[in-house]
Amino acid sequence: MRLILAILLPWLLFFTIHRPFAGILCLILQITIIGWLPAALWAVYALSQYKTDKKIQAAFGEQRR
């Protein structure tokens, strides 16, 4: 679901992954027609990093127990 959001409304994705400043910058970038594609790519990249960070936190959380 977040991947679809990253493609259609990239700025909103940043708010869902707790990065509001990046969301505001992405919204400014998305306002221009040419900037929509880089904004979408940035959001997809940020989503992949967010998922990787969550997996790393889960792995270290299980090791510490």
N, C-alpha and C. Protein backbone atom coordinates (compact mmCIF):
# COMPACT_ATOMS: atom_id res chain seq x y z
N MET A 1 0.81 -1.19 0.00
CA MET A 1 0.00 0.00 0.00
C MET A 1 0.86 1.26 0.00
N ARG A 2 1.94 1.22 0.78
CA ARG A 2 2.82 2.40 0.82
C ARG A 2 3.54 2.61 -0.51
N LEU A 3 3.79 1.53 -1.24
CA LEU A 3 4.44 1.68 -2.54
C LEU A 3 3.54 2.45 -3.51
N ILE A 4 2.27 2.15 -3.52
CA ILE A 4 1.33 2.88 -4.37
C ILE A 4 1.27 4.34 -3.94
N LEU A 5 1.28 4.56 -2.64
CA LEU A 5 1.29 5.92 -2.12
C LEU A 5 2.56 6.66 -2.53
N ALA A 6 3.69 5.95 -2.53
CA ALA A 6 4.97 6.57 -2.92
C ALA A 6 4.95 7.00 -4.38
N ILE A 7 4.25 6.28 -5.21
CA ILE A 7 4.21 6.62 -6.63
C ILE A 7 3.18 7.71 -6.92
N LEU A 8 2.02 7.62 -6.30
CA LEU A 8 0.95 8.57 -6.61
C LEU A 8 1.07 9.88 -5.82
N LEU A 9 1.34 9.78 -4.53
CA LEU A 9 1.46 10.97 -3.67
C LEU A 9 2.74 10.86 -2.84
N PRO A 10 3.88 11.09 -3.49
CA PRO A 10 5.16 10.89 -2.79
C PRO A 10 5.30 11.68 -1.50
N TRP A 11 4.82 12.90 -1.47
CA TRP A 11 4.99 13.73 -0.28
C TRP A 11 4.26 13.14 0.92
N LEU A 12 3.14 12.49 0.69
CA LEU A 12 2.37 11.92 1.79
C LEU A 12 3.07 10.71 2.41
N LEU A 13 3.83 9.99 1.61
CA LEU A 13 4.56 8.83 2.12
C LEU A 13 5.54 9.24 3.20
N PHE A 14 6.21 10.37 3.01
CA PHE A 14 7.20 10.79 4.00
C PHE A 14 6.57 11.07 5.36
N PHE A 15 5.33 11.52 5.36
CA PHE A 15 4.65 11.73 6.64
C PHE A 15 4.30 10.39 7.30
N THR A 16 4.05 9.35 6.51
CA THR A 16 3.72 8.05 7.09
C THR A 16 4.94 7.34 7.65
N ILE A 17 6.14 7.71 7.18
CA ILE A 17 7.35 7.09 7.72
C ILE A 17 8.08 8.05 8.68
N HIS A 18 7.35 9.04 9.18
CA HIS A 18 7.82 9.96 10.22
C HIS A 18 9.00 10.83 9.76
N ARG A 19 8.90 11.37 8.55
CA ARG A 19 9.90 12.31 8.03
C ARG A 19 9.17 13.53 7.46
N PRO A 20 8.61 14.38 8.33
CA PRO A 20 7.78 15.50 7.84
C PRO A 20 8.56 16.56 7.06
N PHE A 21 9.81 16.83 7.43
CA PHE A 21 10.57 17.83 6.70
C PHE A 21 10.82 17.38 5.26
N ALA A 22 11.15 16.11 5.09
CA ALA A 22 11.33 15.57 3.74
C ALA A 22 10.00 15.59 2.98
N GLY A 23 8.90 15.39 3.69
CA GLY A 23 7.58 15.44 3.05
C GLY A 23 7.27 16.83 2.50
N ILE A 24 7.64 17.86 3.25
CA ILE A 24 7.41 19.23 2.78
C ILE A 24 8.27 19.53 1.56
N LEU A 25 9.54 19.12 1.61
CA LEU A 25 10.42 19.32 0.46
C LEU A 25 9.92 18.55 -0.76
N CYS A 26 9.44 17.36 -0.53
CA CYS A 26 8.92 16.54 -1.63
C CYS A 26 7.66 17.18 -2.22
N LEU A 27 6.82 17.76 -1.40
CA LEU A 27 5.62 18.43 -1.89
C LEU A 27 6.00 19.62 -2.77
N ILE A 28 6.99 20.37 -2.36
CA ILE A 28 7.45 21.50 -3.18
C ILE A 28 8.00 20.99 -4.51
N LEU A 29 8.73 19.89 -4.48
CA LEU A 29 9.26 19.30 -5.70
C LEU A 29 8.14 18.75 -6.58
N GLN A 30 7.13 18.16 -5.98
CA GLN A 30 6.05 17.55 -6.74
C GLN A 30 5.11 18.58 -7.36
N ILE A 31 5.10 19.79 -6.87
CA ILE A 31 4.22 20.82 -7.42
C ILE A 31 4.54 21.07 -8.90
N THR A 32 5.81 20.99 -9.25
CA THR A 32 6.16 21.15 -10.65
C THR A 32 5.92 19.82 -11.37
N ILE A 33 5.50 19.88 -12.61
CA ILE A 33 5.23 18.66 -13.37
C ILE A 33 6.51 17.86 -13.57
N ILE A 34 7.60 18.55 -13.88
CA ILE A 34 8.87 17.86 -14.11
C ILE A 34 9.40 17.24 -12.81
N GLY A 35 9.10 17.84 -11.69
CA GLY A 35 9.61 17.36 -10.41
C GLY A 35 8.86 16.18 -9.84
N TRP A 36 7.74 15.80 -10.45
CA TRP A 36 6.96 14.70 -9.91
C TRP A 36 7.70 13.37 -10.01
N LEU A 37 8.36 13.13 -11.14
CA LEU A 37 9.10 11.87 -11.30
C LEU A 37 10.25 11.75 -10.31
N PRO A 38 11.10 12.76 -10.14
CA PRO A 38 12.14 12.64 -9.11
C PRO A 38 11.56 12.50 -7.70
N ALA A 39 10.44 13.16 -7.43
CA ALA A 39 9.81 13.04 -6.12
C ALA A 39 9.33 11.61 -5.88
N ALA A 40 8.75 11.00 -6.90
CA ALA A 40 8.27 9.62 -6.77
C ALA A 40 9.45 8.66 -6.57
N LEU A 41 10.52 8.86 -7.32
CA LEU A 41 11.69 8.00 -7.17
C LEU A 41 12.31 8.16 -5.79
N TRP A 42 12.37 9.38 -5.30
CA TRP A 42 12.91 9.65 -3.96
C TRP A 42 12.05 8.96 -2.90
N ALA A 43 10.74 9.01 -3.08
CA ALA A 43 9.85 8.39 -2.10
C ALA A 43 9.99 6.86 -2.11
N VAL A 44 10.13 6.26 -3.28
CA VAL A 44 10.31 4.81 -3.35
C VAL A 44 11.63 4.42 -2.69
N TYR A 45 12.68 5.19 -2.93
CA TYR A 45 13.98 4.93 -2.30
C TYR A 45 13.87 5.08 -0.78
N ALA A 46 13.22 6.11 -0.32
CA ALA A 46 13.07 6.33 1.12
C ALA A 46 12.26 5.20 1.76
N LEU A 47 11.26 4.71 1.04
CA LEU A 47 10.47 3.59 1.56
C LEU A 47 11.31 2.34 1.68
N SER A 48 12.17 2.08 0.70
CA SER A 48 13.02 0.89 0.79
C SER A 48 14.00 1.01 1.95
N GLN A 49 14.53 2.21 2.19
CA GLN A 49 15.43 2.41 3.32
C GLN A 49 14.70 2.24 4.65
N TYR A 50 13.48 2.71 4.70
CA TYR A 50 12.66 2.58 5.91
C TYR A 50 12.42 1.11 6.24
N LYS A 51 12.09 0.33 5.21
CA LYS A 51 11.85 -1.10 5.41
C LYS A 51 13.13 -1.81 5.86
N THR A 52 14.26 -1.44 5.27
CA THR A 52 15.54 -2.03 5.66
C THR A 52 15.87 -1.70 7.11
N ASP A 53 15.65 -0.46 7.50
CA ASP A 53 15.90 -0.06 8.89
C ASP A 53 15.03 -0.85 9.85
N LYS A 54 13.77 -1.07 9.50
CA LYS A 54 12.88 -1.84 10.37
C LYS A 54 13.34 -3.28 10.50
N LYS A 55 13.82 -3.87 9.40
CA LYS A 55 14.32 -5.25 9.45
C LYS A 55 15.56 -5.35 10.32
N ILE A 56 16.44 -4.37 10.23
CA ILE A 56 17.65 -4.36 11.05
C ILE A 56 17.29 -4.21 12.52
N GLN A 57 16.36 -3.33 12.82
CA GLN A 57 15.92 -3.16 14.22
C GLN A 57 15.30 -4.43 14.75
N ALA A 58 14.52 -5.11 13.93
CA ALA A 58 13.89 -6.37 14.36
C ALA A 58 14.95 -7.44 14.60
N ALA A 59 15.96 -7.50 13.75
CA ALA A 59 17.02 -8.50 13.91
C ALA A 59 17.82 -8.26 15.18
N PHE A 60 18.17 -7.02 15.45
CA PHE A 60 18.93 -6.72 16.66
C PHE A 60 18.06 -6.87 17.90
N GLY A 61 16.79 -6.61 17.77
CA GLY A 61 15.87 -6.77 18.89
C GLY A 61 15.76 -8.23 19.31
N GLU A 62 15.77 -9.13 18.34
CA GLU A 62 15.69 -10.56 18.64
C GLU A 62 16.99 -11.09 19.22
N GLN A 63 18.13 -10.56 18.80
CA GLN A 63 19.41 -11.00 19.30
C GLN A 63 19.63 -10.58 20.74
N ARG A 64 19.11 -9.45 21.13
CA ARG A 64 19.35 -8.94 22.48
C ARG A 64 18.51 -9.63 23.53
N ARG A 65 17.50 -10.33 23.13
CA ARG A 65 16.62 -11.00 24.12
C ARG A 65 17.19 -12.25 24.63
